[in-house]
């Protein structure tokens, strides 16, 4: 009796779990030129058409701030242009050190449009040669690019 009850219970669970009537399934529509990779990672080995994607091109990807005194705040804006064919959206910007804080535009940059990523570097407790990298994540290919602040910090006396 126990075996029959167990078999019926297992058969019911198996039948219910295999039933797929499409409820709860949401179809993903639209997206960018590489959205197929998100929907189907198995297609990642297929060639990706990057010609239609956004591209970020910096006027100057590295800025040398020269020599400053320890405790100074160095601020620089990295100007960029979207040289691609889709609107450019920056998802995140992070620095290699907590002493450097980046700010970036939240709105999409249209093809041909320009924007700025501003970096503030607090030189307190930083001495001698410094190099701070800012990593920008966007809907570009590749999806991460970098800009660099560098210079020399003279120690306090």
C-alpha atoms as a PDB file:
ATOM      1  CA  UNK A   1       0.000   0.000   0.000  1.00  0.00           C
ATOM      2  CA  UNK A   2       2.787   2.412   0.936  1.00  0.00           C
ATOM      3  CA  UNK A   3       4.620   1.644  -2.324  1.00  0.00           C
ATOM      4  CA  UNK A   4       1.491   2.296  -4.405  1.00  0.00           C
ATOM      5  CA  UNK A   5       0.837   5.590  -2.636  1.00  0.00           C
ATOM      6  CA  UNK A   6       4.479   6.609  -3.052  1.00  0.00           C
ATOM      7  CA  UNK A   7       4.397   5.703  -6.773  1.00  0.00           C
ATOM      8  CA  UNK A   8       1.203   7.730  -7.354  1.00  0.00           C
ATOM      9  CA  UNK A   9       2.629  10.738  -5.527  1.00  0.00           C
ATOM     10  CA  UNK A  10       5.863  10.638  -7.534  1.00  0.00           C
ATOM     11  CA  UNK A  11       4.003  10.184 -10.825  1.00  0.00           C
ATOM     12  CA  UNK A  12       1.796  13.203 -10.021  1.00  0.00           C
ATOM     13  CA  UNK A  13       4.803  15.376  -9.199  1.00  0.00           C
ATOM     14  CA  UNK A  14       6.606  14.300 -12.353  1.00  0.00           C
ATOM     15  CA  UNK A  15       3.551  15.020 -14.523  1.00  0.00           C
ATOM     16  CA  UNK A  16       3.040  18.454 -12.930  1.00  0.00           C
ATOM     17  CA  UNK A  17       6.688  19.438 -13.237  1.00  0.00           C
ATOM     18  CA  UNK A  18       6.875  18.439 -16.903  1.00  0.00           C
ATOM     19  CA  UNK A  19       3.745  20.359 -17.874  1.00  0.00           C
ATOM     20  CA  UNK A  20       4.788  23.542 -19.690  1.00  0.00           C
ATOM     21  CA  UNK A  21       1.892  25.671 -20.835  1.00  0.00           C
ATOM     22  CA  UNK A  22       3.999  28.844 -21.254  1.00  0.00           C
ATOM     23  CA  UNK A  23       2.682  30.597 -18.150  1.00  0.00           C
ATOM     24  CA  UNK A  24       5.310  32.717 -16.486  1.00  0.00           C
ATOM     25  CA  UNK A  25       7.535  32.694 -19.575  1.00  0.00           C
ATOM     26  CA  UNK A  26       8.420  36.201 -20.658  1.00  0.00           C
ATOM     27  CA  UNK A  27       9.710  36.797 -24.160  1.00  0.00           C
ATOM     28  CA  UNK A  28      12.611  39.214 -24.448  1.00  0.00           C
ATOM     29  CA  UNK A  29      12.120  41.621 -27.310  1.00  0.00           C
ATOM     30  CA  UNK A  30      14.372  44.258 -28.773  1.00  0.00           C
ATOM     31  CA  UNK A  31      17.758  44.967 -27.287  1.00  0.00           C
ATOM     32  CA  UNK A  32      20.981  45.971 -28.904  1.00  0.00           C
ATOM     33  CA  UNK A  33      23.139  44.253 -31.481  1.00  0.00           C
ATOM     34  CA  UNK A  34      24.631  41.930 -28.876  1.00  0.00           C
ATOM     35  CA  UNK A  35      21.418  41.191 -26.957  1.00  0.00           C
ATOM     36  CA  UNK A  36      21.319  37.701 -28.491  1.00  0.00           C
ATOM     37  CA  UNK A  37      24.359  36.838 -26.357  1.00  0.00           C
ATOM     38  CA  UNK A  38      22.372  37.710 -23.246  1.00  0.00           C
ATOM     39  CA  UNK A  39      19.373  35.632 -24.294  1.00  0.00           C
ATOM     40  CA  UNK A  40      21.410  32.680 -25.482  1.00  0.00           C
ATOM     41  CA  UNK A  41      24.942  32.345 -24.103  1.00  0.00           C
ATOM     42  CA  UNK A  42      25.436  29.308 -26.348  1.00  0.00           C
ATOM     43  CA  UNK A  43      25.618  31.722 -29.283  1.00  0.00           C
ATOM     44  CA  UNK A  44      28.635  33.473 -27.744  1.00  0.00           C
ATOM     45  CA  UNK A  45      30.981  31.579 -30.063  1.00  0.00           C
ATOM     46  CA  UNK A  46      29.256  33.053 -33.113  1.00  0.00           C
ATOM     47  CA  UNK A  47      30.765  36.180 -34.700  1.00  0.00           C
ATOM     48  CA  UNK A  48      29.480  39.408 -33.162  1.00  0.00           C
ATOM     49  CA  UNK A  49      28.636  42.342 -35.447  1.00  0.00           C
ATOM     50  CA  UNK A  50      30.209  45.260 -33.600  1.00  0.00           C
ATOM     51  CA  UNK A  51      29.749  47.763 -36.449  1.00  0.00           C
ATOM     52  CA  UNK A  52      26.321  48.852 -35.146  1.00  0.00           C
ATOM     53  CA  UNK A  53      27.350  49.282 -31.508  1.00  0.00           C
ATOM     54  CA  UNK A  54      28.246  52.432 -29.593  1.00  0.00           C
ATOM     55  CA  UNK A  55      31.930  53.356 -29.454  1.00  0.00           C
ATOM     56  CA  UNK A  56      33.628  55.572 -26.908  1.00  0.00           C
ATOM     57  CA  UNK A  57      36.561  57.625 -28.206  1.00  0.00           C
ATOM     58  CA  UNK A  58      38.432  59.831 -25.736  1.00  0.00           C
ATOM     59  CA  UNK A  59      39.979  63.151 -26.758  1.00  0.00           C
ATOM     60  CA  UNK A  60      42.709  62.322 -24.226  1.00  0.00           C
ATOM     61  CA  UNK A  61      42.662  59.004 -22.341  1.00  0.00           C
ATOM     62  CA  UNK A  62      45.575  59.924 -20.071  1.00  0.00           C
ATOM     63  CA  UNK A  63      46.046  63.186 -18.175  1.00  0.00           C
ATOM     64  CA  UNK A  64      49.288  64.217 -16.477  1.00  0.00           C
ATOM     65  CA  UNK A  65      48.457  66.712 -13.744  1.00  0.00           C
ATOM     66  CA  UNK A  66      52.131  67.531 -13.195  1.00  0.00           C
ATOM     67  CA  UNK A  67      53.333  68.219  -9.653  1.00  0.00           C
ATOM     68  CA  UNK A  68      50.934  69.104  -6.827  1.00  0.00           C
ATOM     69  CA  UNK A  69      51.208  69.365  -3.045  1.00  0.00           C
ATOM     70  CA  UNK A  70      49.985  66.557  -0.803  1.00  0.00           C
ATOM     71  CA  UNK A  71      46.419  67.351   0.284  1.00  0.00           C
ATOM     72  CA  UNK A  72      45.425  69.039  -2.982  1.00  0.00           C
ATOM     73  CA  UNK A  73      42.367  67.851  -4.894  1.00  0.00           C
ATOM     74  CA  UNK A  74      43.071  67.224  -8.569  1.00  0.00           C
ATOM     75  CA  UNK A  75      40.040  67.438 -10.844  1.00  0.00           C
ATOM     76  CA  UNK A  76      40.016  66.606 -14.548  1.00  0.00           C
ATOM     77  CA  UNK A  77      37.282  65.997 -17.117  1.00  0.00           C
ATOM     78  CA  UNK A  78      37.911  63.386 -19.789  1.00  0.00           C
ATOM     79  CA  UNK A  79      35.940  64.388 -22.890  1.00  0.00           C
ATOM     80  CA  UNK A  80      34.667  61.594 -25.130  1.00  0.00           C
ATOM     81  CA  UNK A  81      32.663  61.206 -28.332  1.00  0.00           C
ATOM     82  CA  UNK A  82      30.280  58.416 -29.287  1.00  0.00           C
ATOM     83  CA  UNK A  83      31.818  57.412 -32.622  1.00  0.00           C
ATOM     84  CA  UNK A  84      29.498  54.418 -32.969  1.00  0.00           C
ATOM     85  CA  UNK A  85      26.087  53.961 -34.529  1.00  0.00           C
ATOM     86  CA  UNK A  86      23.982  53.367 -31.374  1.00  0.00           C
ATOM     87  CA  UNK A  87      23.350  55.553 -28.312  1.00  0.00           C
ATOM     88  CA  UNK A  88      26.147  55.145 -25.755  1.00  0.00           C
ATOM     89  CA  UNK A  89      25.117  54.321 -22.192  1.00  0.00           C
ATOM     90  CA  UNK A  90      27.688  54.300 -19.410  1.00  0.00           C
ATOM     91  CA  UNK A  91      26.611  51.812 -16.758  1.00  0.00           C
ATOM     92  CA  UNK A  92      29.428  52.368 -14.280  1.00  0.00           C
ATOM     93  CA  UNK A  93      32.759  54.063 -13.659  1.00  0.00           C
ATOM     94  CA  UNK A  94      35.057  52.928 -10.880  1.00  0.00           C
ATOM     95  CA  UNK A  95      38.586  53.808  -9.892  1.00  0.00           C
ATOM     96  CA  UNK A  96      41.604  51.799  -8.853  1.00  0.00           C
ATOM     97  CA  UNK A  97      41.638  53.634  -5.512  1.00  0.00           C
ATOM     98  CA  UNK A  98      39.054  55.068  -3.126  1.00  0.00           C
ATOM     99  CA  UNK A  99      40.922  58.376  -3.292  1.00  0.00           C
ATOM    100  CA  UNK A 100      39.662  58.921  -6.852  1.00  0.00           C
ATOM    101  CA  UNK A 101      35.956  59.501  -7.462  1.00  0.00           C
ATOM    102  CA  UNK A 102      34.551  59.435 -11.021  1.00  0.00           C
ATOM    103  CA  UNK A 103      31.311  61.042 -12.212  1.00  0.00           C
ATOM    104  CA  UNK A 104      29.707  60.227 -15.564  1.00  0.00           C
ATOM    105  CA  UNK A 105      26.620  61.222 -17.567  1.00  0.00           C
ATOM    106  CA  UNK A 106      23.497  59.209 -16.824  1.00  0.00           C
ATOM    107  CA  UNK A 107      21.682  60.026 -20.067  1.00  0.00           C
ATOM    108  CA  UNK A 108      22.470  58.168 -23.310  1.00  0.00           C
ATOM    109  CA  UNK A 109      24.940  59.914 -25.620  1.00  0.00           C
ATOM    110  CA  UNK A 110      23.651  59.816 -29.230  1.00  0.00           C
ATOM    111  CA  UNK A 111      25.934  58.859 -32.128  1.00  0.00           C
ATOM    112  CA  UNK A 112      28.237  61.810 -32.769  1.00  0.00           C
ATOM    113  CA  UNK A 113      27.434  63.286 -29.342  1.00  0.00           C
ATOM    114  CA  UNK A 114      29.974  64.136 -26.673  1.00  0.00           C
ATOM    115  CA  UNK A 115      30.149  63.763 -22.920  1.00  0.00           C
ATOM    116  CA  UNK A 116      32.542  64.020 -19.985  1.00  0.00           C
ATOM    117  CA  UNK A 117      33.780  61.729 -17.256  1.00  0.00           C
ATOM    118  CA  UNK A 118      35.058  63.829 -14.368  1.00  0.00           C
ATOM    119  CA  UNK A 119      37.592  62.414 -11.925  1.00  0.00           C
ATOM    120  CA  UNK A 120      38.514  63.946  -8.565  1.00  0.00           C
ATOM    121  CA  UNK A 121      41.727  62.695  -6.958  1.00  0.00           C
ATOM    122  CA  UNK A 122      42.318  63.497  -3.271  1.00  0.00           C
ATOM    123  CA  UNK A 123      46.086  63.541  -2.751  1.00  0.00           C
ATOM    124  CA  UNK A 124      45.906  63.365   1.069  1.00  0.00           C
ATOM    125  CA  UNK A 125      48.274  60.640   2.307  1.00  0.00           C
ATOM    126  CA  UNK A 126      49.487  60.092  -1.269  1.00  0.00           C
ATOM    127  CA  UNK A 127      53.114  60.830  -2.027  1.00  0.00           C
ATOM    128  CA  UNK A 128      55.492  60.832  -4.980  1.00  0.00           C
ATOM    129  CA  UNK A 129      54.475  59.390  -8.370  1.00  0.00           C
ATOM    130  CA  UNK A 130      50.779  58.525  -8.654  1.00  0.00           C
ATOM    131  CA  UNK A 131      48.793  56.751 -11.345  1.00  0.00           C
ATOM    132  CA  UNK A 132      45.024  56.340 -10.907  1.00  0.00           C
ATOM    133  CA  UNK A 133      43.029  54.328 -13.435  1.00  0.00           C
ATOM    134  CA  UNK A 134      39.294  54.783 -13.981  1.00  0.00           C
ATOM    135  CA  UNK A 135      37.453  51.818 -15.498  1.00  0.00           C
ATOM    136  CA  UNK A 136      34.372  52.717 -17.565  1.00  0.00           C
ATOM    137  CA  UNK A 137      31.750  50.048 -18.279  1.00  0.00           C
ATOM    138  CA  UNK A 138      29.388  50.849 -21.160  1.00  0.00           C
ATOM    139  CA  UNK A 139      27.361  49.262 -23.958  1.00  0.00           C
ATOM    140  CA  UNK A 140      30.427  49.332 -26.216  1.00  0.00           C
ATOM    141  CA  UNK A 141      32.718  46.659 -27.606  1.00  0.00           C
ATOM    142  CA  UNK A 142      34.775  45.927 -25.669  1.00  0.00           C
ATOM    143  CA  UNK A 143      32.481  46.907 -22.832  1.00  0.00           C
ATOM    144  CA  UNK A 144      35.239  48.313 -20.620  1.00  0.00           C
ATOM    145  CA  UNK A 145      37.639  51.159 -21.344  1.00  0.00           C
ATOM    146  CA  UNK A 146      40.032  53.124 -19.151  1.00  0.00           C
ATOM    147  CA  UNK A 147      41.259  56.640 -18.555  1.00  0.00           C
ATOM    148  CA  UNK A 148      44.235  57.550 -16.363  1.00  0.00           C
ATOM    149  CA  UNK A 149      45.211  60.403 -14.039  1.00  0.00           C
ATOM    150  CA  UNK A 150      48.917  60.577 -13.316  1.00  0.00           C
ATOM    151  CA  UNK A 151      51.404  62.951 -11.783  1.00  0.00           C
ATOM    152  CA  UNK A 152      53.667  63.658  -8.852  1.00  0.00           C
ATOM    153  CA  UNK A 153      52.595  64.539  -5.302  1.00  0.00           C
ATOM    154  CA  UNK A 154      55.093  66.485  -3.201  1.00  0.00           C
ATOM    155  CA  UNK A 155      54.954  65.361   0.456  1.00  0.00           C
ATOM    156  CA  UNK A 156      53.990  67.880   3.162  1.00  0.00           C
ATOM    157  CA  UNK A 157      56.895  69.194   5.187  1.00  0.00           C
END
